[in-house]
Amino acid sequence: MRLSIGLLLVSGCKTRPPEASGAMPLAADKTWFCRGNEPFWMVQIESDSILFRTPEELVVYPYAAPVASGDTIVFVTKKNLTADQTSVLRIKIVPLPCTDTMSGEAFTYTAEAERDGRSYHGCGQ
Protein backbone atom coordinates (compact mmCIF):
# COMPACT_ATOMS: atom_id res chain seq x y z
CA MET A 1 0.00 0.00 0.00
CA ARG A 2 1.44 3.38 -1.00
CA LEU A 3 0.61 6.38 1.14
CA SER A 4 1.09 9.87 -0.23
CA ILE A 5 1.51 13.03 1.80
CA GLY A 6 -0.83 16.00 2.39
CA LEU A 7 -0.74 19.61 3.60
CA LEU A 8 -0.64 20.21 7.35
CA LEU A 9 -0.12 23.44 9.30
CA VAL A 10 0.77 22.73 12.89
CA SER A 11 1.14 24.85 16.04
CA GLY A 12 1.30 24.22 19.79
CA CYS A 13 -1.98 22.73 20.93
CA LYS A 14 -4.44 21.54 23.51
CA THR A 15 -6.35 18.48 22.31
CA ARG A 16 -10.06 17.73 22.51
CA PRO A 17 -11.60 14.26 22.82
CA PRO A 18 -11.82 12.30 19.53
CA GLU A 19 -15.62 12.21 19.68
CA ALA A 20 -15.64 16.03 19.39
CA SER A 21 -13.19 16.08 16.53
CA GLY A 22 -15.27 15.83 13.36
CA ALA A 23 -11.86 15.34 11.67
CA MET A 24 -11.71 13.94 8.18
CA PRO A 25 -9.26 11.15 7.32
CA LEU A 26 -5.73 12.38 6.61
CA ALA A 27 -5.40 13.93 3.16
CA ALA A 28 -3.19 12.29 0.58
CA ASP A 29 -0.91 13.42 -2.29
CA LYS A 30 0.19 16.82 -0.93
CA THR A 31 3.10 18.35 0.97
CA TRP A 32 2.96 18.23 4.78
CA PHE A 33 3.88 21.38 6.69
CA CYS A 34 4.01 21.11 10.49
CA ARG A 35 5.01 23.59 13.18
CA GLY A 36 4.66 24.19 16.87
CA ASN A 37 5.69 26.61 19.58
CA GLU A 38 7.29 26.58 23.01
CA PRO A 39 9.79 25.57 21.66
CA PHE A 40 9.32 26.74 18.07
CA TRP A 41 9.80 23.99 15.47
CA MET A 42 8.83 23.35 11.89
CA VAL A 43 8.76 20.27 9.65
CA GLN A 44 8.12 20.24 5.92
CA ILE A 45 7.67 16.87 4.22
CA GLU A 46 8.14 16.74 0.45
CA SER A 47 8.29 13.73 -1.87
CA ASP A 48 12.11 13.72 -1.73
CA SER A 49 13.04 15.24 1.66
CA ILE A 50 11.92 16.04 5.20
CA LEU A 51 13.10 19.39 6.55
CA PHE A 52 13.33 20.03 10.32
CA ARG A 53 13.94 23.56 11.57
CA THR A 54 14.27 25.31 14.91
CA PRO A 55 15.59 28.85 15.46
CA GLU A 56 19.01 27.29 16.10
CA GLU A 57 19.30 24.85 13.20
CA LEU A 58 18.04 23.46 9.91
CA VAL A 59 18.49 19.78 9.01
CA VAL A 60 17.31 18.14 5.77
CA TYR A 61 16.58 14.43 6.11
CA PRO A 62 15.93 11.96 3.28
CA TYR A 63 12.27 11.23 2.57
CA ALA A 64 10.89 8.07 4.17
CA ALA A 65 7.40 6.84 3.31
CA PRO A 66 4.95 6.97 6.21
CA VAL A 67 3.48 3.98 8.00
CA ALA A 68 -0.27 4.08 8.61
CA SER A 69 -1.95 2.67 11.69
CA GLY A 70 -5.68 3.29 11.71
CA ASP A 71 -6.13 7.02 11.13
CA THR A 72 -2.57 7.86 12.30
CA ILE A 73 0.46 8.18 10.04
CA VAL A 74 4.07 8.14 11.17
CA PHE A 75 7.17 9.21 9.26
CA VAL A 76 10.57 8.02 10.55
CA THR A 77 13.79 9.16 8.88
CA LYS A 78 17.44 9.43 9.84
CA LYS A 79 20.52 11.25 8.67
CA ASN A 80 24.22 10.93 9.40
CA LEU A 81 25.30 14.31 10.79
CA THR A 82 28.94 13.28 11.21
CA ALA A 83 30.91 10.06 10.78
CA ASP A 84 29.85 8.95 14.28
CA GLN A 85 26.56 10.82 14.86
CA THR A 86 23.17 9.83 13.40
CA SER A 87 20.05 11.96 13.91
CA VAL A 88 16.61 10.29 13.97
CA LEU A 89 13.37 12.21 13.28
CA ARG A 90 9.89 10.73 13.91
CA ILE A 91 6.70 12.61 12.99
CA LYS A 92 3.24 11.39 14.06
CA ILE A 93 0.09 12.96 12.59
CA VAL A 94 -3.39 12.22 13.95
CA PRO A 95 -6.79 13.61 12.88
CA LEU A 96 -7.51 14.93 16.38
CA PRO A 97 -8.48 18.59 16.77
CA CYS A 98 -6.56 20.94 19.04
CA THR A 99 -6.20 24.62 19.83
CA ASP A 100 -3.04 26.71 19.34
CA THR A 101 -1.68 27.62 22.78
CA MET A 102 -0.56 31.09 21.65
CA SER A 103 -3.28 32.28 19.27
CA GLY A 104 -6.26 30.22 20.43
CA GLU A 105 -6.87 29.17 16.79
CA ALA A 106 -8.56 25.78 16.30
CA PHE A 107 -6.98 23.16 14.04
CA THR A 108 -8.15 19.79 12.71
CA TYR A 109 -5.00 17.71 13.28
CA THR A 110 -2.49 17.02 16.04
CA ALA A 111 1.18 16.41 15.23
CA GLU A 112 4.13 15.30 17.32
CA ALA A 113 7.77 15.23 16.33
CA GLU A 114 10.58 13.52 18.18
CA ARG A 115 14.15 14.30 17.21
CA ASP A 116 17.07 12.61 18.93
CA GLY A 117 15.06 12.05 22.11
CA ARG A 118 13.52 15.54 22.29
CA SER A 119 9.74 15.85 21.83
CA TYR A 120 7.88 18.63 20.01
CA HIS A 121 4.08 19.03 20.04
CA GLY A 122 1.76 20.93 17.72
CA CYS A 123 -1.55 20.92 15.94
CA GLY A 124 -2.84 21.79 12.50
CA GLN A 125 -5.16 21.31 9.56
C-alpha atoms as a PDB file:
ATOM      1  CA  MET A   1       0.000   0.000   0.000  1.00  0.00           C
ATOM      2  CA  ARG A   2       1.435   3.380  -0.998  1.00  0.00           C
ATOM      3  CA  LEU A   3       0.611   6.380   1.137  1.00  0.00           C
ATOM      4  CA  SER A   4       1.086   9.871  -0.225  1.00  0.00           C
ATOM      5  CA  ILE A   5       1.513  13.034   1.801  1.00  0.00           C
ATOM      6  CA  GLY A   6      -0.834  15.999   2.393  1.00  0.00           C
ATOM      7  CA  LEU A   7      -0.744  19.615   3.603  1.00  0.00           C
ATOM      8  CA  LEU A   8      -0.643  20.213   7.346  1.00  0.00           C
ATOM      9  CA  LEU A   9      -0.118  23.444   9.298  1.00  0.00           C
ATOM     10  CA  VAL A  10       0.774  22.733  12.890  1.00  0.00           C
ATOM     11  CA  SER A  11       1.140  24.850  16.036  1.00  0.00           C
ATOM     12  CA  GLY A  12       1.305  24.220  19.790  1.00  0.00           C
ATOM     13  CA  CYS A  13      -1.980  22.730  20.934  1.00  0.00           C
ATOM     14  CA  LYS A  14      -4.438  21.544  23.509  1.00  0.00           C
ATOM     15  CA  THR A  15      -6.351  18.476  22.306  1.00  0.00           C
ATOM     16  CA  ARG A  16     -10.056  17.733  22.512  1.00  0.00           C
ATOM     17  CA  PRO A  17     -11.596  14.264  22.819  1.00  0.00           C
ATOM     18  CA  PRO A  18     -11.818  12.297  19.531  1.00  0.00           C
ATOM     19  CA  GLU A  19     -15.621  12.212  19.679  1.00  0.00           C
ATOM     20  CA  ALA A  20     -15.644  16.028  19.392  1.00  0.00           C
ATOM     21  CA  SER A  21     -13.190  16.085  16.527  1.00  0.00           C
ATOM     22  CA  GLY A  22     -15.265  15.834  13.363  1.00  0.00           C
ATOM     23  CA  ALA A  23     -11.865  15.336  11.667  1.00  0.00           C
ATOM     24  CA  MET A  24     -11.714  13.941   8.181  1.00  0.00           C
ATOM     25  CA  PRO A  25      -9.261  11.148   7.320  1.00  0.00           C
ATOM     26  CA  LEU A  26      -5.735  12.375   6.612  1.00  0.00           C
ATOM     27  CA  ALA A  27      -5.404  13.933   3.163  1.00  0.00           C
ATOM     28  CA  ALA A  28      -3.186  12.292   0.581  1.00  0.00           C
ATOM     29  CA  ASP A  29      -0.915  13.416  -2.287  1.00  0.00           C
ATOM     30  CA  LYS A  30       0.190  16.817  -0.928  1.00  0.00           C
ATOM     31  CA  THR A  31       3.105  18.354   0.965  1.00  0.00           C
ATOM     32  CA  TRP A  32       2.959  18.228   4.784  1.00  0.00           C
ATOM     33  CA  PHE A  33       3.877  21.377   6.691  1.00  0.00           C
ATOM     34  CA  CYS A  34       4.010  21.107  10.490  1.00  0.00           C
ATOM     35  CA  ARG A  35       5.012  23.594  13.177  1.00  0.00           C
ATOM     36  CA  GLY A  36       4.660  24.192  16.867  1.00  0.00           C
ATOM     37  CA  ASN A  37       5.690  26.610  19.585  1.00  0.00           C
ATOM     38  CA  GLU A  38       7.286  26.583  23.011  1.00  0.00           C
ATOM     39  CA  PRO A  39       9.786  25.573  21.663  1.00  0.00           C
ATOM     40  CA  PHE A  40       9.324  26.743  18.075  1.00  0.00           C
ATOM     41  CA  TRP A  41       9.803  23.990  15.474  1.00  0.00           C
ATOM     42  CA  MET A  42       8.829  23.345  11.891  1.00  0.00           C
ATOM     43  CA  VAL A  43       8.762  20.266   9.653  1.00  0.00           C
ATOM     44  CA  GLN A  44       8.117  20.242   5.916  1.00  0.00           C
ATOM     45  CA  ILE A  45       7.670  16.868   4.223  1.00  0.00           C
ATOM     46  CA  GLU A  46       8.143  16.744   0.451  1.00  0.00           C
ATOM     47  CA  SER A  47       8.286  13.728  -1.872  1.00  0.00           C
ATOM     48  CA  ASP A  48      12.112  13.723  -1.725  1.00  0.00           C
ATOM     49  CA  SER A  49      13.036  15.241   1.659  1.00  0.00           C
ATOM     50  CA  ILE A  50      11.919  16.040   5.201  1.00  0.00           C
ATOM     51  CA  LEU A  51      13.105  19.388   6.545  1.00  0.00           C
ATOM     52  CA  PHE A  52      13.333  20.026  10.315  1.00  0.00           C
ATOM     53  CA  ARG A  53      13.939  23.563  11.566  1.00  0.00           C
ATOM     54  CA  THR A  54      14.274  25.306  14.910  1.00  0.00           C
ATOM     55  CA  PRO A  55      15.586  28.846  15.460  1.00  0.00           C
ATOM     56  CA  GLU A  56      19.012  27.289  16.097  1.00  0.00           C
ATOM     57  CA  GLU A  57      19.302  24.855  13.199  1.00  0.00           C
ATOM     58  CA  LEU A  58      18.044  23.463   9.910  1.00  0.00           C
ATOM     59  CA  VAL A  59      18.487  19.782   9.011  1.00  0.00           C
ATOM     60  CA  VAL A  60      17.309  18.143   5.774  1.00  0.00           C
ATOM     61  CA  TYR A  61      16.575  14.431   6.110  1.00  0.00           C
ATOM     62  CA  PRO A  62      15.928  11.965   3.278  1.00  0.00           C
ATOM     63  CA  TYR A  63      12.267  11.229   2.574  1.00  0.00           C
ATOM     64  CA  ALA A  64      10.888   8.071   4.170  1.00  0.00           C
ATOM     65  CA  ALA A  65       7.398   6.838   3.312  1.00  0.00           C
ATOM     66  CA  PRO A  66       4.946   6.972   6.212  1.00  0.00           C
ATOM     67  CA  VAL A  67       3.483   3.978   7.999  1.00  0.00           C
ATOM     68  CA  ALA A  68      -0.271   4.081   8.611  1.00  0.00           C
ATOM     69  CA  SER A  69      -1.949   2.668  11.689  1.00  0.00           C
ATOM     70  CA  GLY A  70      -5.679   3.290  11.707  1.00  0.00           C
ATOM     71  CA  ASP A  71      -6.129   7.019  11.132  1.00  0.00           C
ATOM     72  CA  THR A  72      -2.574   7.864  12.302  1.00  0.00           C
ATOM     73  CA  ILE A  73       0.459   8.182  10.039  1.00  0.00           C
ATOM     74  CA  VAL A  74       4.075   8.142  11.174  1.00  0.00           C
ATOM     75  CA  PHE A  75       7.169   9.214   9.258  1.00  0.00           C
ATOM     76  CA  VAL A  76      10.568   8.019  10.546  1.00  0.00           C
ATOM     77  CA  THR A  77      13.790   9.155   8.883  1.00  0.00           C
ATOM     78  CA  LYS A  78      17.440   9.428   9.845  1.00  0.00           C
ATOM     79  CA  LYS A  79      20.523  11.254   8.669  1.00  0.00           C
ATOM     80  CA  ASN A  80      24.222  10.931   9.397  1.00  0.00           C
ATOM     81  CA  LEU A  81      25.303  14.311  10.794  1.00  0.00           C
ATOM     82  CA  THR A  82      28.943  13.281  11.213  1.00  0.00           C
ATOM     83  CA  ALA A  83      30.905  10.056  10.781  1.00  0.00           C
ATOM     84  CA  ASP A  84      29.854   8.948  14.280  1.00  0.00           C
ATOM     85  CA  GLN A  85      26.559  10.817  14.857  1.00  0.00           C
ATOM     86  CA  THR A  86      23.170   9.832  13.398  1.00  0.00           C
ATOM     87  CA  SER A  87      20.046  11.958  13.906  1.00  0.00           C
ATOM     88  CA  VAL A  88      16.608  10.287  13.969  1.00  0.00           C
ATOM     89  CA  LEU A  89      13.367  12.208  13.279  1.00  0.00           C
ATOM     90  CA  ARG A  90       9.892  10.728  13.908  1.00  0.00           C
ATOM     91  CA  ILE A  91       6.702  12.611  12.985  1.00  0.00           C
ATOM     92  CA  LYS A  92       3.244  11.395  14.062  1.00  0.00           C
ATOM     93  CA  ILE A  93       0.093  12.962  12.589  1.00  0.00           C
ATOM     94  CA  VAL A  94      -3.393  12.220  13.952  1.00  0.00           C
ATOM     95  CA  PRO A  95      -6.794  13.608  12.880  1.00  0.00           C
ATOM     96  CA  LEU A  96      -7.509  14.929  16.384  1.00  0.00           C
ATOM     97  CA  PRO A  97      -8.483  18.592  16.770  1.00  0.00           C
ATOM     98  CA  CYS A  98      -6.555  20.942  19.039  1.00  0.00           C
ATOM     99  CA  THR A  99      -6.200  24.619  19.834  1.00  0.00           C
ATOM    100  CA  ASP A 100      -3.044  26.710  19.337  1.00  0.00           C
ATOM    101  CA  THR A 101      -1.681  27.616  22.775  1.00  0.00           C
ATOM    102  CA  MET A 102      -0.558  31.089  21.653  1.00  0.00           C
ATOM    103  CA  SER A 103      -3.276  32.283  19.269  1.00  0.00           C
ATOM    104  CA  GLY A 104      -6.262  30.217  20.427  1.00  0.00           C
ATOM    105  CA  GLU A 105      -6.868  29.168  16.795  1.00  0.00           C
ATOM    106  CA  ALA A 106      -8.563  25.781  16.300  1.00  0.00           C
ATOM    107  CA  PHE A 107      -6.983  23.156  14.035  1.00  0.00           C
ATOM    108  CA  THR A 108      -8.153  19.788  12.713  1.00  0.00           C
ATOM    109  CA  TYR A 109      -4.997  17.713  13.284  1.00  0.00           C
ATOM    110  CA  THR A 110      -2.488  17.016  16.044  1.00  0.00           C
ATOM    111  CA  ALA A 111       1.183  16.410  15.233  1.00  0.00           C
ATOM    112  CA  GLU A 112       4.132  15.296  17.316  1.00  0.00           C
ATOM    113  CA  ALA A 113       7.770  15.232  16.332  1.00  0.00           C
ATOM    114  CA  GLU A 114      10.582  13.521  18.178  1.00  0.00           C
ATOM    115  CA  ARG A 115      14.146  14.296  17.206  1.00  0.00           C
ATOM    116  CA  ASP A 116      17.073  12.609  18.935  1.00  0.00           C
ATOM    117  CA  GLY A 117      15.061  12.053  22.115  1.00  0.00           C
ATOM    118  CA  ARG A 118      13.518  15.542  22.292  1.00  0.00           C
ATOM    119  CA  SER A 119       9.738  15.852  21.825  1.00  0.00           C
ATOM    120  CA  TYR A 120       7.879  18.632  20.015  1.00  0.00           C
ATOM    121  CA  HIS A 121       4.081  19.032  20.042  1.00  0.00           C
ATOM    122  CA  GLY A 122       1.757  20.928  17.724  1.00  0.00           C
ATOM    123  CA  CYS A 123      -1.551  20.919  15.939  1.00  0.00           C
ATOM    124  CA  GLY A 124      -2.839  21.788  12.497  1.00  0.00           C
ATOM    125  CA  GLN A 125      -5.156  21.309   9.560  1.00  0.00           C
END
